[in-house]
Amino acid sequence: MAVEVLDVTDASFEQEVVQGSNKVPVIVDFWAPWCGPCQTLGPMLESLAEEFAGKVRLVKLNTDENPQVAQMHQIESIPAVFAYQDGQPVSQFIGALPEPQVREFVTGLLPSAADVATEEAEALLATGQGAAARERFEQILRDDPGNEGATAMHAHFLLQAGDEDEAAEVAARVPQNKGAQKTLAIIRLRRAARDQDEAALRARLSSDAGDAEAEYRLGALMADRHEWPEALERLLNSVRIDKKLDDDAARLLLLDAFVVLGNEDPLSQDYRRQLGSVLF
């Protein structure tokens, strides 16, 4: 049975392509009925979409009828093909290329064997099969030591298993990976909160509201417990009182809290703005 190829429009492009590409890569074929090369390329794309059904999705956009999206992509000649992944355009080509080149374009959107293995390991971890997940991550890294996703997930697993020092060492190998950054942020919050006495810290602040170090430690303790409103307020207060405390410790820990909470979270956005006002 032939795979369904959806005709998208200016109105449906955002939902079907941009948002849809968060689930599976979407290939957009910009074409027009009068375009001869489009008639050559179209069936080729449809055949590949059928071959890789479920792994990629093909849609078509008639540039004559939908000039807005065509202009947005600066389409000057057709056929033009764009691939979207995770809400962003990631690759493109112009013209009716030979089948081997078109195939290479499509297969470049597919997850690698290491990516598939990482997803399998993540599924094991999510279902409580910790030992099997660890073994899978270690196997992936033996086969592909440079796999950033597997390295970051391995660090996350180690942290969940209580191996904090090893988790920090593994996460530090891929500092640009967002998952690794979150693992390192969690570790720094935990270390700042360790061995702190909440009652003693609150007593110190009752006696001296300007105790920046007590605000910092209490903020770290609340962040480690994920009591975010108080955590962020305490850390920000520490910055207000003493920006240079422990080599900028409160500001740096506040940034770590944003990473753990999520940079898109309204609390993170609010306190990031407040932090900017305090600093500048």
Protein backbone atom coordinates (compact mmCIF):
# COMPACT_ATOMS: atom_id res chain seq x y z
CA MET A 1 0.00 0.00 0.00
CA ALA A 2 1.42 3.38 -1.04
CA VAL A 3 2.33 5.76 1.77
CA GLU A 4 0.06 8.79 2.16
CA VAL A 5 1.64 12.06 1.01
CA LEU A 6 -0.07 15.08 2.49
CA ASP A 7 -0.51 18.33 0.57
CA VAL A 8 0.34 21.13 2.98
CA THR A 9 -0.61 24.79 2.66
CA ASP A 10 0.45 28.13 4.06
CA ALA A 11 -2.16 27.61 6.77
CA SER A 12 -1.19 24.04 7.73
CA PHE A 13 2.60 24.27 7.36
CA GLU A 14 3.29 25.18 11.00
CA GLN A 15 1.29 22.27 12.41
CA GLU A 16 2.07 19.60 9.84
CA VAL A 17 5.74 20.37 9.21
CA VAL A 18 7.26 22.44 12.01
CA GLN A 19 5.39 20.81 14.89
CA GLY A 20 5.11 17.46 13.14
CA SER A 21 8.89 17.23 12.78
CA ASN A 22 9.20 16.92 16.56
CA LYS A 23 7.83 13.39 16.17
CA VAL A 24 9.47 12.27 12.93
CA PRO A 25 11.61 14.04 10.29
CA VAL A 26 9.44 15.75 7.66
CA ILE A 27 10.55 16.15 4.04
CA VAL A 28 8.87 19.01 2.17
CA ASP A 29 8.71 18.80 -1.64
CA PHE A 30 8.18 22.30 -3.07
CA TRP A 31 6.69 21.82 -6.53
CA ALA A 32 4.20 23.15 -9.12
CA PRO A 33 2.08 21.35 -11.74
CA TRP A 34 3.90 23.02 -14.67
CA CYS A 35 7.37 21.98 -13.43
CA GLY A 36 8.77 19.11 -15.51
CA PRO A 37 11.67 18.16 -13.18
CA CYS A 38 9.15 18.08 -10.31
CA GLN A 39 7.35 15.24 -12.09
CA THR A 40 10.62 13.31 -12.14
CA LEU A 41 11.61 13.96 -8.53
CA GLY A 42 8.17 13.50 -6.96
CA PRO A 43 7.78 9.74 -7.58
CA MET A 44 11.37 9.20 -6.41
CA LEU A 45 10.64 10.91 -3.10
CA GLU A 46 7.38 9.02 -2.72
CA SER A 47 9.15 5.69 -3.27
CA LEU A 48 11.73 6.51 -0.62
CA ALA A 49 9.04 7.74 1.77
CA GLU A 50 7.28 4.40 1.35
CA GLU A 51 10.55 2.50 1.89
CA PHE A 52 11.22 4.39 5.11
CA ALA A 53 7.60 4.70 6.25
CA GLY A 54 7.36 5.53 9.94
CA LYS A 55 10.91 6.88 10.00
CA VAL A 56 10.35 9.92 7.77
CA ARG A 57 7.26 11.69 6.46
CA LEU A 58 6.87 13.29 3.03
CA VAL A 59 4.62 16.27 2.34
CA LYS A 60 4.17 18.37 -0.80
CA LEU A 61 3.63 22.11 -1.13
CA ASN A 62 2.37 23.72 -4.35
CA THR A 63 4.35 26.97 -4.57
CA ASP A 64 1.82 28.59 -6.92
CA GLU A 65 -0.98 28.16 -4.42
CA ASN A 66 1.09 28.77 -1.27
CA PRO A 67 3.49 31.66 -1.90
CA GLN A 68 3.89 32.61 1.76
CA VAL A 69 5.80 29.49 2.80
CA ALA A 70 7.72 29.47 -0.48
CA GLN A 71 8.86 33.06 0.15
CA MET A 72 9.75 32.23 3.73
CA HIS A 73 12.14 29.56 2.41
CA GLN A 74 13.43 31.91 -0.33
CA ILE A 75 12.43 29.43 -3.03
CA GLU A 76 13.68 30.78 -6.37
CA SER A 77 13.56 27.56 -8.40
CA ILE A 78 11.81 24.23 -8.11
CA PRO A 79 11.83 21.42 -7.34
CA ALA A 80 13.24 22.36 -3.95
CA VAL A 81 13.31 19.94 -1.04
CA PHE A 82 13.69 20.84 2.64
CA ALA A 83 13.96 18.49 5.60
CA TYR A 84 12.66 19.49 9.02
CA GLN A 85 13.67 17.85 12.27
CA ASP A 86 12.84 18.90 15.84
CA GLY A 87 11.00 21.95 14.55
CA GLN A 88 13.89 23.28 12.45
CA PRO A 89 15.05 22.98 8.81
CA VAL A 90 18.16 20.81 8.86
CA SER A 91 19.01 20.17 5.19
CA GLN A 92 17.89 20.96 1.66
CA PHE A 93 18.62 20.52 -2.04
CA ILE A 94 17.48 22.07 -5.30
CA GLY A 95 16.69 20.27 -8.54
CA ALA A 96 15.87 16.71 -9.61
CA LEU A 97 18.97 14.94 -8.29
CA PRO A 98 19.81 11.33 -9.20
CA GLU A 99 18.24 8.65 -7.02
CA PRO A 100 21.45 7.76 -5.11
CA GLN A 101 21.85 11.37 -3.99
CA VAL A 102 18.20 11.69 -3.02
CA ARG A 103 18.46 8.42 -1.09
CA GLU A 104 21.52 9.73 0.74
CA PHE A 105 19.57 12.88 1.64
CA VAL A 106 16.72 10.81 3.09
CA THR A 107 18.87 8.28 4.95
CA GLY A 108 20.83 11.14 6.49
CA LEU A 109 17.67 11.95 8.47
CA LEU A 110 17.40 8.49 9.98
CA PRO A 111 18.72 7.70 13.46
CA SER A 112 22.07 5.94 13.55
CA ALA A 113 22.47 2.48 15.03
CA ALA A 114 23.96 4.14 18.11
CA ASP A 115 20.95 6.44 18.39
CA VAL A 116 18.58 3.46 18.24
CA ALA A 117 20.62 1.64 20.86
CA THR A 118 20.57 4.73 23.09
CA GLU A 119 16.77 4.90 22.83
CA GLU A 120 16.58 1.23 23.80
CA ALA A 121 18.81 1.87 26.83
CA GLU A 122 16.71 4.89 27.84
CA ALA A 123 13.58 2.72 27.64
CA LEU A 124 15.20 0.13 29.91
CA LEU A 125 16.11 2.84 32.40
CA ALA A 126 12.60 4.33 32.30
CA THR A 127 11.05 0.95 33.10
CA GLY A 128 13.26 0.37 36.11
CA GLN A 129 15.66 -2.09 34.46
CA GLY A 130 18.72 -0.27 35.78
CA ALA A 131 21.26 -3.07 35.46
CA ALA A 132 20.24 -3.83 31.87
CA ALA A 133 20.29 -0.12 31.01
CA ARG A 134 23.79 0.31 32.42
CA GLU A 135 25.05 -2.68 30.49
CA ARG A 136 23.48 -1.30 27.29
CA PHE A 137 25.02 2.15 27.76
CA GLU A 138 28.43 0.64 28.41
CA GLN A 139 28.12 -1.52 25.28
CA ILE A 140 27.19 1.53 23.18
CA LEU A 141 30.22 3.42 24.48
CA ARG A 142 32.52 0.47 23.79
CA ASP A 143 31.27 0.39 20.20
CA ASP A 144 31.14 4.18 19.80
CA PRO A 145 33.19 5.99 22.48
CA GLY A 146 32.38 9.39 21.00
CA ASN A 147 28.60 9.02 21.19
CA GLU A 148 27.52 12.16 23.07
CA GLY A 149 23.94 11.07 23.72
CA ALA A 150 24.98 7.74 25.19
CA THR A 151 27.68 9.41 27.28
CA ALA A 152 25.21 11.92 28.70
CA MET A 153 22.63 9.22 29.46
CA HIS A 154 25.31 7.04 31.06
CA ALA A 155 26.18 9.96 33.35
CA HIS A 156 22.50 10.38 34.19
CA PHE A 157 22.22 6.69 35.02
CA LEU A 158 25.31 6.81 37.24
CA LEU A 159 23.85 9.76 39.14
CA GLN A 160 20.56 7.93 39.67
CA ALA A 161 22.52 4.91 40.87
CA GLY A 162 24.34 7.07 43.45
CA ASP A 163 27.73 7.18 41.72
CA GLU A 164 27.98 10.97 41.90
CA ASP A 165 31.72 11.33 41.34
CA GLU A 166 31.77 8.99 38.35
CA ALA A 167 28.64 10.67 36.96
CA ALA A 168 30.39 14.06 37.12
CA GLU A 169 33.49 12.66 35.41
CA VAL A 170 31.46 11.08 32.60
CA ALA A 171 29.20 14.12 32.06
CA ALA A 172 32.25 16.40 31.89
CA ARG A 173 33.38 14.55 28.76
CA VAL A 174 30.47 16.08 26.78
CA PRO A 175 30.05 19.57 28.28
CA GLN A 176 28.00 20.88 25.33
CA ASN A 177 25.34 18.17 25.68
CA LYS A 178 22.19 19.50 27.39
CA GLY A 179 21.61 16.25 29.28
CA ALA A 180 25.17 16.31 30.59
CA GLN A 181 24.79 19.96 31.58
CA LYS A 182 21.71 19.07 33.62
CA THR A 183 23.50 16.19 35.34
CA LEU A 184 26.42 18.46 36.27
CA ALA A 185 24.02 21.15 37.51
CA ILE A 186 22.21 18.63 39.74
CA ILE A 187 25.54 17.49 41.18
CA ARG A 188 26.66 21.04 41.95
CA LEU A 189 23.33 21.78 43.68
CA ARG A 190 23.62 18.62 45.74
CA ARG A 191 27.19 19.38 46.78
CA ALA A 192 26.30 22.94 47.79
CA ALA A 193 23.38 21.63 49.88
CA ARG A 194 25.22 18.72 51.49
CA ASP A 195 25.48 18.63 55.30
CA GLN A 196 23.46 21.84 55.68
CA ASP A 197 21.18 22.26 58.69
CA GLU A 198 17.97 23.98 57.60
CA ALA A 199 16.97 25.06 61.11
CA ALA A 200 20.41 26.53 61.78
CA LEU A 201 20.40 28.43 58.49
CA ARG A 202 16.96 29.88 59.16
CA ALA A 203 18.07 30.89 62.65
CA ARG A 204 21.07 32.69 61.19
CA LEU A 205 18.83 34.62 58.82
CA SER A 206 16.44 35.50 61.63
CA SER A 207 19.37 37.05 63.46
CA ASP A 208 20.94 38.65 60.38
CA ALA A 209 18.87 39.15 57.22
CA GLY A 210 22.03 40.23 55.45
CA ASP A 211 23.80 36.88 55.84
CA ALA A 212 24.59 36.16 52.18
CA GLU A 213 26.23 32.82 52.91
CA ALA A 214 23.18 31.55 54.83
CA GLU A 215 20.89 32.66 51.99
CA TYR A 216 23.15 30.84 49.53
CA ARG A 217 23.23 27.58 51.50
CA LEU A 218 19.50 27.63 52.23
CA GLY A 219 18.80 28.34 48.56
CA ALA A 220 20.97 25.37 47.59
CA LEU A 221 19.13 23.15 50.08
CA MET A 222 15.73 24.18 48.74
CA ALA A 223 16.90 23.68 45.14
CA ASP A 224 18.15 20.19 45.97
CA ARG A 225 14.64 19.46 47.27
CA HIS A 226 13.10 21.05 44.15
CA GLU A 227 11.33 23.67 46.26
CA TRP A 228 11.94 26.12 43.47
CA PRO A 229 10.19 29.38 44.46
CA GLU A 230 12.05 29.64 47.76
CA ALA A 231 15.27 28.28 46.26
CA LEU A 232 15.40 30.90 43.53
CA GLU A 233 14.46 33.74 45.89
CA ARG A 234 17.14 32.72 48.42
CA LEU A 235 19.86 32.46 45.79
CA LEU A 236 18.86 35.78 44.25
CA ASN A 237 18.90 37.40 47.71
CA SER A 238 22.42 36.11 48.23
CA VAL A 239 23.49 37.76 44.98
CA ARG A 240 21.77 41.00 46.03
CA ILE A 241 23.64 41.02 49.34
CA ASP A 242 27.10 39.98 48.12
CA LYS A 243 27.77 39.43 44.42
CA LYS A 244 31.31 38.23 45.10
CA LEU A 245 30.49 35.62 47.75
CA ASP A 246 32.70 32.54 47.25
CA ASP A 247 33.78 33.60 43.76
CA ASP A 248 30.28 34.33 42.45
CA ALA A 249 28.90 31.08 43.89
CA ALA A 250 25.28 32.22 44.32
CA ARG A 251 24.94 33.50 40.75
CA LEU A 252 26.49 30.34 39.33
CA LEU A 253 24.24 28.13 41.43
CA LEU A 254 21.23 30.16 40.33
CA LEU A 255 22.16 29.41 36.71
CA ASP A 256 22.42 25.73 37.61
CA ALA A 257 18.94 25.91 39.12
CA PHE A 258 17.62 27.33 35.83
CA VAL A 259 19.15 24.37 33.97
CA VAL A 260 17.60 21.80 36.30
CA LEU A 261 14.22 23.53 36.46
CA GLY A 262 14.28 24.14 32.72
CA ASN A 263 15.20 27.37 30.97
CA GLU A 264 11.70 27.60 29.46
CA ASP A 265 9.97 27.36 32.83
CA PRO A 266 8.19 30.63 33.76
CA LEU A 267 10.01 30.70 37.12
CA SER A 268 13.38 30.41 35.39
CA GLN A 269 12.48 33.17 32.97
CA ASP A 270 11.22 35.46 35.75
CA TYR A 271 14.27 35.00 37.96
CA ARG A 272 16.65 35.26 35.02
CA ARG A 273 15.20 38.72 34.34
CA GLN A 274 15.50 39.64 38.02
CA LEU A 275 19.09 38.41 38.10
CA GLY A 276 19.90 40.60 35.13
CA SER A 277 18.44 43.62 36.94
CA VAL A 278 20.52 42.89 40.04
CA LEU A 279 23.74 42.46 38.08
CA PHE A 280 23.33 45.28 35.59
